[in-house]
């Protein structure tokens, strides 16, 4: 079972601060995965991949993210380490692979990309060996991405037109439809099978992000998924990072199969069978509800035209600030 990481920030971050330097970085998770459901073989050494966005479209011939993949284990790739030390990005998708289907090749390594879209999968499709004959696809993850793109096309969304943003609502709708189709096909292939599908998907159009944590079973737990948000992701000691929260702004959001830090208050578990959307302007209500930031105290606005009470000896009308508006704060 794979591991993946997503970073979205107001300012670019050095890739090494995500991929290699943290105590439980995504590279360390390739050989020291601690939250995998299948702990019999807790190694993610069947290749890796990263896609990162530079947003210098005017200076490049083609749209879309920069992508680097290899079939070597992530912990043993010197080029990845050197690249991470010199590269910054404000939107990063990273993935370390533990293969379940298909051969070991760069084409099977995540993230998969199409124009501005990046897509990752952690988990597996139940009974895939019985339904893959319907599809021109070597792995269940490639199949999932193909279904997602086909769903977008049937919705009338064309990713090849970068001038028209896809948006989080279309991404989420297409992702949910993809999960629905997979569930239908797996049930039709073998009604007696009790093997569940594990469908932790992550997709971005280069701006918005939608992630799912899903399992087709009604009783089992989905593959692990966590998120963290704050002002800045900082290194306070060699190899030791934490999410800094100087104010209520969500300038950084990270989503990962396993937390990158061991700071107890940094990470929140995404509920099973739910989706998490990151919009260009992200509401802070979810982070507040999970205790990652405090809410704004509801203040009192005073009519400044009235003279001081001490001088006039009369009562003063008080206008209470609307709590709903007080909590409507956005980031990015």
Protein backbone atom coordinates (compact mmCIF):
# COMPACT_ATOMS: atom_id res chain seq x y z
CA UNK A 1 0.00 0.00 0.00
CA UNK A 2 1.45 3.33 -1.11
CA UNK A 3 2.04 6.59 0.76
CA UNK A 4 1.43 10.07 -0.58
CA UNK A 5 1.91 13.71 0.41
CA UNK A 6 0.35 17.00 -0.72
CA UNK A 7 1.59 20.49 0.03
CA UNK A 8 -0.25 23.70 -0.84
CA UNK A 9 1.15 27.01 0.37
CA UNK A 10 0.85 30.72 -0.13
CA UNK A 11 4.62 30.82 -0.63
CA UNK A 12 6.87 28.22 -2.30
CA UNK A 13 8.68 25.72 -0.10
CA UNK A 14 11.97 23.93 -0.71
CA UNK A 15 11.13 20.36 -1.72
CA UNK A 16 13.72 18.93 0.68
CA UNK A 17 11.68 20.35 3.58
CA UNK A 18 8.93 17.93 2.55
CA UNK A 19 10.65 15.00 0.87
CA UNK A 20 13.91 14.34 2.69
CA UNK A 21 14.60 16.44 5.81
CA UNK A 22 11.63 15.84 8.21
CA UNK A 23 12.06 12.97 10.67
CA UNK A 24 9.16 11.10 9.05
CA UNK A 25 9.42 12.52 5.54
CA UNK A 26 7.74 10.88 2.59
CA UNK A 27 11.13 9.40 1.65
CA UNK A 28 11.51 7.87 5.12
CA UNK A 29 8.01 6.46 4.78
CA UNK A 30 9.18 4.48 1.78
CA UNK A 31 11.13 2.19 4.13
CA UNK A 32 9.61 3.04 7.54
CA UNK A 33 5.86 3.13 7.00
CA UNK A 34 4.10 2.96 10.37
CA UNK A 35 0.39 3.27 9.58
CA UNK A 36 -0.10 0.88 6.69
CA UNK A 37 -2.97 -1.57 6.99
CA UNK A 38 -0.81 -4.38 5.58
CA UNK A 39 2.12 -4.29 7.99
CA UNK A 40 3.37 -7.67 6.75
CA UNK A 41 5.42 -5.78 4.13
CA UNK A 42 5.68 -2.16 5.28
CA UNK A 43 7.98 -1.13 2.42
CA UNK A 44 7.12 1.28 -0.38
CA UNK A 45 10.11 0.62 -2.63
CA UNK A 46 8.51 0.05 -6.05
CA UNK A 47 9.34 3.46 -7.43
CA UNK A 48 8.30 7.02 -6.63
CA UNK A 49 7.16 10.22 -8.28
CA UNK A 50 6.67 13.92 -7.64
CA UNK A 51 4.79 16.59 -9.55
CA UNK A 52 5.26 20.23 -8.62
CA UNK A 53 3.84 23.42 -10.08
CA UNK A 54 6.02 26.42 -10.97
CA UNK A 55 3.32 28.68 -12.49
CA UNK A 56 5.78 30.13 -15.01
CA UNK A 57 3.48 29.30 -17.92
CA UNK A 58 4.74 32.21 -20.03
CA UNK A 59 8.27 30.80 -19.97
CA UNK A 60 7.41 27.17 -20.80
CA UNK A 61 6.33 25.49 -24.01
CA UNK A 62 3.80 23.19 -22.38
CA UNK A 63 1.31 23.58 -19.56
CA UNK A 64 1.15 21.36 -16.51
CA UNK A 65 3.42 20.47 -13.59
CA UNK A 66 7.05 19.40 -13.60
CA UNK A 67 7.20 15.64 -13.05
CA UNK A 68 10.02 13.40 -11.91
CA UNK A 69 9.60 9.62 -11.61
CA UNK A 70 11.86 6.62 -11.20
CA UNK A 71 11.51 2.89 -10.52
CA UNK A 72 14.32 2.91 -7.96
CA UNK A 73 13.41 3.11 -4.26
CA UNK A 74 13.00 6.72 -3.16
CA UNK A 75 15.54 6.28 -0.36
CA UNK A 76 18.22 5.31 -2.89
CA UNK A 77 17.89 7.99 -5.55
CA UNK A 78 20.61 10.64 -5.46
CA UNK A 79 18.99 12.68 -8.24
CA UNK A 80 15.83 13.11 -6.16
CA UNK A 81 17.84 14.33 -3.19
CA UNK A 82 19.76 16.85 -5.30
CA UNK A 83 16.60 18.07 -7.03
CA UNK A 84 14.83 18.56 -3.69
CA UNK A 85 17.69 20.69 -2.36
CA UNK A 86 17.42 23.21 -5.23
CA UNK A 87 13.72 23.32 -6.13
CA UNK A 88 10.82 25.30 -4.66
CA UNK A 89 7.09 25.04 -5.31
CA UNK A 90 3.82 26.16 -3.73
CA UNK A 91 1.93 23.01 -4.83
CA UNK A 92 3.52 19.58 -4.54
CA UNK A 93 2.22 16.03 -5.05
CA UNK A 94 4.62 13.26 -3.91
CA UNK A 95 4.10 9.47 -3.93
CA UNK A 96 6.07 6.36 -2.95
CA UNK A 97 4.76 3.14 -4.46
CA UNK A 98 4.10 -0.39 -3.23
CA UNK A 99 2.84 -2.19 -6.32
CA UNK A 100 -0.15 -4.52 -6.32
CA UNK A 101 -0.69 -4.90 -10.08
CA UNK A 102 1.35 -4.35 -13.21
CA UNK A 103 5.05 -4.32 -13.93
CA UNK A 104 7.64 -2.07 -12.36
CA UNK A 105 7.90 0.87 -14.77
CA UNK A 106 7.93 4.65 -14.70
CA UNK A 107 4.56 4.76 -16.46
CA UNK A 108 3.03 2.96 -13.46
CA UNK A 109 4.53 5.40 -10.96
CA UNK A 110 2.36 8.16 -9.55
CA UNK A 111 1.45 10.99 -9.83
CA UNK A 112 -0.29 10.57 -13.18
CA UNK A 113 -0.64 13.80 -15.10
CA UNK A 114 -2.76 15.16 -17.94
CA UNK A 115 -2.31 18.82 -18.88
CA UNK A 116 -2.69 20.65 -15.54
CA UNK A 117 -4.14 17.68 -13.66
CA UNK A 118 -2.13 15.52 -11.23
CA UNK A 119 -3.63 12.35 -9.74
CA UNK A 120 -2.49 9.89 -7.05
CA UNK A 121 -3.95 6.75 -5.49
CA UNK A 122 -3.28 4.87 -2.26
CA UNK A 123 -5.08 1.56 -1.90
CA UNK A 124 -6.46 -0.98 -4.33
CA UNK A 125 -9.54 -1.93 -6.33
CA UNK A 126 -11.20 -5.16 -5.20
CA UNK A 127 -11.44 -7.93 -7.83
CA UNK A 128 -9.38 -5.86 -10.23
CA UNK A 129 -8.04 -8.96 -11.95
CA UNK A 130 -11.64 -9.71 -13.03
CA UNK A 131 -12.61 -6.26 -14.28
CA UNK A 132 -9.36 -5.07 -15.88
CA UNK A 133 -10.23 -6.96 -19.08
CA UNK A 134 -12.81 -4.26 -19.77
CA UNK A 135 -10.10 -1.62 -19.64
CA UNK A 136 -6.86 -0.83 -21.42
CA UNK A 137 -4.96 -0.43 -18.17
CA UNK A 138 -2.15 -2.31 -16.48
CA UNK A 139 -2.85 -1.17 -12.91
CA UNK A 140 -5.87 -0.30 -10.81
CA UNK A 141 -4.51 3.21 -10.24
CA UNK A 142 -4.18 3.91 -13.97
CA UNK A 143 -7.70 2.59 -14.41
CA UNK A 144 -8.95 4.99 -11.74
CA UNK A 145 -7.28 7.96 -13.43
CA UNK A 146 -8.73 6.99 -16.80
CA UNK A 147 -12.20 6.77 -15.29
CA UNK A 148 -11.74 10.15 -13.65
CA UNK A 149 -10.73 11.81 -16.93
CA UNK A 150 -13.60 10.12 -18.76
CA UNK A 151 -16.02 11.36 -16.11
CA UNK A 152 -14.72 14.92 -16.49
CA UNK A 153 -15.20 14.64 -20.25
CA UNK A 154 -18.81 13.48 -19.84
CA UNK A 155 -19.39 16.42 -17.51
CA UNK A 156 -18.30 18.73 -20.31
CA UNK A 157 -15.01 19.66 -18.64
CA UNK A 158 -11.95 19.81 -20.90
CA UNK A 159 -8.60 19.81 -18.99
CA UNK A 160 -6.78 20.71 -22.21
CA UNK A 161 -8.18 24.25 -21.98
CA UNK A 162 -6.06 25.90 -19.25
CA UNK A 163 -7.84 29.22 -19.59
CA UNK A 164 -10.92 27.66 -17.99
CA UNK A 165 -10.35 26.54 -14.41
CA UNK A 166 -11.85 23.17 -13.51
CA UNK A 167 -12.56 24.11 -9.88
CA UNK A 168 -12.97 22.08 -6.70
CA UNK A 169 -16.68 21.39 -7.27
CA UNK A 170 -16.09 19.68 -10.62
CA UNK A 171 -13.07 17.80 -9.27
CA UNK A 172 -15.07 16.51 -6.33
CA UNK A 173 -18.09 15.57 -8.44
CA UNK A 174 -15.91 13.63 -10.89
CA UNK A 175 -14.01 11.89 -8.07
CA UNK A 176 -17.21 10.76 -6.36
CA UNK A 177 -18.57 9.46 -9.68
CA UNK A 178 -15.32 7.55 -10.24
CA UNK A 179 -15.69 5.85 -6.86
CA UNK A 180 -19.31 5.01 -7.66
CA UNK A 181 -18.35 3.39 -10.99
CA UNK A 182 -15.58 1.34 -9.37
CA UNK A 183 -17.96 0.07 -6.68
CA UNK A 184 -20.53 -0.91 -9.32
CA UNK A 185 -18.02 -2.82 -11.42
CA UNK A 186 -16.45 -4.69 -8.50
CA UNK A 187 -19.86 -5.81 -7.24
CA UNK A 188 -20.90 -7.00 -10.69
CA UNK A 189 -17.66 -8.96 -11.09
CA UNK A 190 -18.09 -11.08 -7.94
CA UNK A 191 -21.12 -10.67 -5.69
CA UNK A 192 -19.72 -13.18 -3.17
CA UNK A 193 -16.41 -11.40 -2.65
CA UNK A 194 -15.90 -9.61 0.64
CA UNK A 195 -12.67 -7.91 -0.38
CA UNK A 196 -13.06 -4.13 0.00
CA UNK A 197 -11.78 -1.44 -2.32
CA UNK A 198 -9.44 1.10 -0.73
CA UNK A 199 -9.75 4.35 -2.65
CA UNK A 200 -7.69 7.16 -1.20
CA UNK A 201 -7.48 9.47 -4.22
CA UNK A 202 -5.85 12.88 -4.60
CA UNK A 203 -6.37 15.19 -7.57
CA UNK A 204 -5.50 18.79 -8.40
CA UNK A 205 -5.96 21.07 -11.39
CA UNK A 206 -2.95 23.14 -10.32
CA UNK A 207 -5.09 25.32 -8.09
CA UNK A 208 -7.82 23.44 -6.23
CA UNK A 209 -7.28 20.05 -4.56
CA UNK A 210 -9.73 17.26 -3.71
CA UNK A 211 -8.75 14.19 -1.67
CA UNK A 212 -10.84 11.16 -0.69
CA UNK A 213 -10.44 8.70 2.16
CA UNK A 214 -12.69 5.80 1.23
CA UNK A 215 -13.26 2.08 1.75
CA UNK A 216 -16.16 0.12 0.28
CA UNK A 217 -16.59 -1.87 3.50
CA UNK A 218 -19.20 -0.69 6.00
CA UNK A 219 -17.21 -1.96 8.99
CA UNK A 220 -13.49 -1.62 8.17
CA UNK A 221 -11.28 1.44 8.47
CA UNK A 222 -9.95 3.13 5.33
CA UNK A 223 -6.24 3.59 4.66
CA UNK A 224 -4.73 6.31 6.86
CA UNK A 225 -4.99 9.98 5.88
CA UNK A 226 -4.17 13.14 7.86
CA UNK A 227 -4.07 16.89 7.32
CA UNK A 228 -2.42 19.88 8.93
CA UNK A 229 -2.84 23.61 8.42
CA UNK A 230 -1.19 26.75 9.73
CA UNK A 231 0.94 29.80 8.97
CA UNK A 232 4.22 28.11 8.10
CA UNK A 233 5.95 24.71 8.11
CA UNK A 234 9.29 25.37 9.83
CA UNK A 235 12.43 23.50 10.88
CA UNK A 236 13.13 24.37 14.53
CA UNK A 237 15.98 21.84 14.93
CA UNK A 238 17.90 19.65 12.45
CA UNK A 239 15.36 17.22 10.99
CA UNK A 240 12.62 18.45 13.35
CA UNK A 241 9.71 20.34 11.81
CA UNK A 242 6.41 21.69 13.08
CA UNK A 243 3.42 23.60 11.82
CA UNK A 244 3.69 27.19 13.02
CA UNK A 245 0.47 29.06 13.81
CA UNK A 246 1.14 32.77 14.24
CA UNK A 247 -2.37 33.88 13.30
CA UNK A 248 -5.65 32.51 11.96
CA UNK A 249 -4.54 32.51 8.32
CA UNK A 250 -4.23 29.12 6.64
CA UNK A 251 -1.22 29.92 4.48
CA UNK A 252 -0.14 26.27 4.43
CA UNK A 253 -2.12 23.04 4.19
CA UNK A 254 -0.59 19.57 4.06
CA UNK A 255 -2.35 16.26 3.47
CA UNK A 256 -0.45 13.01 3.99
CA UNK A 257 -0.93 9.28 4.40
CA UNK A 258 1.24 9.57 7.50
CA UNK A 259 2.17 12.70 9.51
CA UNK A 260 5.56 14.15 8.65
CA UNK A 261 6.13 15.29 12.22
CA UNK A 262 5.66 13.82 15.67
CA UNK A 263 4.12 16.99 17.08
CA UNK A 264 0.83 15.77 18.56
CA UNK A 265 -1.10 18.95 17.81
CA UNK A 266 0.03 19.29 14.21
CA UNK A 267 -2.16 16.69 12.52
CA UNK A 268 -5.84 15.74 12.33
CA UNK A 269 -7.18 12.42 10.99
CA UNK A 270 -9.46 12.73 7.97
CA UNK A 271 -12.68 10.76 8.71
CA UNK A 272 -13.27 7.48 6.86
CA UNK A 273 -15.47 7.78 3.75
CA UNK A 274 -15.12 11.52 3.37
CA UNK A 275 -13.56 14.03 1.00
CA UNK A 276 -11.37 17.03 1.74
CA UNK A 277 -11.40 20.01 -0.64
CA UNK A 278 -8.78 22.76 -0.77
CA UNK A 279 -10.08 25.81 -2.58
CA UNK A 280 -8.25 28.92 -3.71
CA UNK A 281 -9.89 30.70 -0.79
CA UNK A 282 -10.20 28.14 1.99
CA UNK A 283 -12.58 28.63 4.90
CA UNK A 284 -11.06 28.23 8.35
CA UNK A 285 -14.15 26.63 9.90
CA UNK A 286 -12.86 23.04 9.59
CA UNK A 287 -9.51 23.90 11.16
CA UNK A 288 -11.31 25.70 13.99
CA UNK A 289 -13.64 22.77 14.62
CA UNK A 290 -10.64 20.41 14.92
CA UNK A 291 -8.79 22.70 17.33
CA UNK A 292 -6.00 23.72 14.93
CA UNK A 293 -6.77 27.40 15.54
CA UNK A 294 -8.88 29.46 17.89
CA UNK A 295 -11.97 31.31 16.81
CA UNK A 296 -12.12 35.10 16.82
CA UNK A 297 -13.63 36.46 20.04
CA UNK A 298 -16.98 38.08 19.41
CA UNK A 299 -16.43 41.75 20.18
CA UNK A 300 -18.75 44.65 20.81
CA UNK A 301 -18.97 47.55 18.39
CA UNK A 302 -19.82 50.81 20.12
CA UNK A 303 -21.55 53.78 18.53
CA UNK A 304 -18.65 56.25 18.60
CA UNK A 305 -20.91 59.29 18.12
CA UNK A 306 -22.25 59.06 21.70
CA UNK A 307 -20.35 61.08 24.33
CA UNK A 308 -18.52 59.26 27.14
CA UNK A 309 -20.79 57.76 29.78
CA UNK A 310 -18.89 59.45 32.58
CA UNK A 311 -19.68 62.87 31.13
CA UNK A 312 -23.27 62.38 30.00
CA UNK A 313 -24.54 59.96 32.63
CA UNK A 314 -26.64 57.92 30.25
CA UNK A 315 -26.64 54.35 28.93
CA UNK A 316 -25.04 53.42 25.66
CA UNK A 317 -26.52 51.29 22.86
CA UNK A 318 -24.34 48.25 22.07
CA UNK A 319 -24.22 46.56 18.69
CA UNK A 320 -23.13 42.91 18.80
CA UNK A 321 -20.89 41.73 15.97
CA UNK A 322 -22.31 38.91 13.87
CA UNK A 323 -20.50 35.69 14.93
CA UNK A 324 -20.98 34.12 11.52
CA UNK A 325 -19.14 36.96 9.82
CA UNK A 326 -16.45 36.95 12.49
CA UNK A 327 -15.45 33.40 11.56
CA UNK A 328 -15.53 33.91 7.80
CA UNK A 329 -11.77 34.13 7.22
CA UNK A 330 -10.01 32.81 4.11
CA UNK A 331 -6.46 31.99 3.09
CA UNK A 332 -4.46 31.63 -0.17
